[in-house]
Amino acid sequence: MDIEPPEYEALYDAINPEALDALFAPREDGSPRASGRVEFPFCGYLVVVSSDGDVDVEELDNGR
């Protein structure tokens, strides 16, 4: 029996990648921005993007 993976919407349809990059890009004068992170749910997962470039994905609990 063939099993197909589930269909997901494209991540770039849920969040603008250029806007995400701009959040962590250096300021116009070249100075660095403060560290931080962005979290958002996506297709049953929590995606966490940190200013240091790390991306973590974890499955959301039903209670979240």
Protein backbone atom coordinates (compact mmCIF):
# COMPACT_ATOMS: atom_id res chain seq x y z
CA MET A 1 0.00 0.00 0.00
CA ASP A 2 1.30 3.48 -0.88
CA ILE A 3 1.08 6.12 1.81
CA GLU A 4 1.27 9.76 0.79
CA PRO A 5 2.50 12.46 3.17
CA PRO A 6 -0.12 14.98 4.25
CA GLU A 7 -0.58 18.10 2.16
CA TYR A 8 0.48 21.35 3.81
CA GLU A 9 0.12 24.90 2.63
CA ALA A 10 3.39 26.57 1.67
CA LEU A 11 5.10 28.26 4.62
CA TYR A 12 5.56 31.45 2.57
CA ASP A 13 1.74 31.62 2.30
CA ALA A 14 1.52 31.79 6.11
CA ILE A 15 4.38 34.21 6.82
CA ASN A 16 6.28 36.60 4.58
CA PRO A 17 9.92 35.41 4.50
CA GLU A 18 11.25 38.84 3.51
CA ALA A 19 9.49 40.44 6.47
CA LEU A 20 10.91 37.77 8.76
CA ASP A 21 14.42 38.41 7.43
CA ALA A 22 13.93 42.16 7.90
CA LEU A 23 13.10 41.69 11.60
CA PHE A 24 16.60 40.38 12.27
CA ALA A 25 18.59 42.27 9.63
CA PRO A 26 20.99 45.01 10.72
CA ARG A 27 19.52 48.51 10.93
CA GLU A 28 19.97 50.90 8.01
CA ASP A 29 22.99 52.44 9.75
CA GLY A 30 24.58 48.97 10.02
CA SER A 31 24.10 48.55 13.76
CA PRO A 32 22.79 45.17 14.87
CA ARG A 33 19.26 44.70 16.13
CA ALA A 34 18.55 43.31 19.58
CA SER A 35 18.32 39.54 19.81
CA GLY A 36 14.89 38.01 19.80
CA ARG A 37 12.65 35.38 18.32
CA VAL A 38 9.40 34.96 16.47
CA GLU A 39 6.95 32.13 17.19
CA PHE A 40 3.95 31.16 15.10
CA PRO A 41 1.74 28.13 14.64
CA PHE A 42 1.84 26.37 11.27
CA CYS A 43 -0.10 23.24 10.28
CA GLY A 44 -0.15 21.80 13.82
CA TYR A 45 3.42 22.82 14.65
CA LEU A 46 5.00 25.69 16.52
CA VAL A 47 7.76 27.30 14.47
CA VAL A 48 10.32 29.34 16.41
CA VAL A 49 12.80 31.51 14.49
CA SER A 50 15.61 33.06 16.53
CA SER A 51 17.68 36.10 15.66
CA ASP A 52 20.80 33.89 15.59
CA GLY A 53 19.33 31.97 12.64
CA ASP A 54 18.06 28.90 14.48
CA VAL A 55 14.69 27.50 13.44
CA ASP A 56 12.95 25.04 15.74
CA VAL A 57 9.77 23.15 14.90
CA GLU A 58 7.76 21.27 17.50
CA GLU A 59 4.40 19.60 17.37
CA LEU A 60 1.65 21.58 19.06
CA ASP A 61 -0.26 19.97 21.90
CA ASN A 62 -4.04 19.88 21.55
CA GLY A 63 -4.27 22.16 24.59
CA ARG A 64 -2.15 24.93 23.05
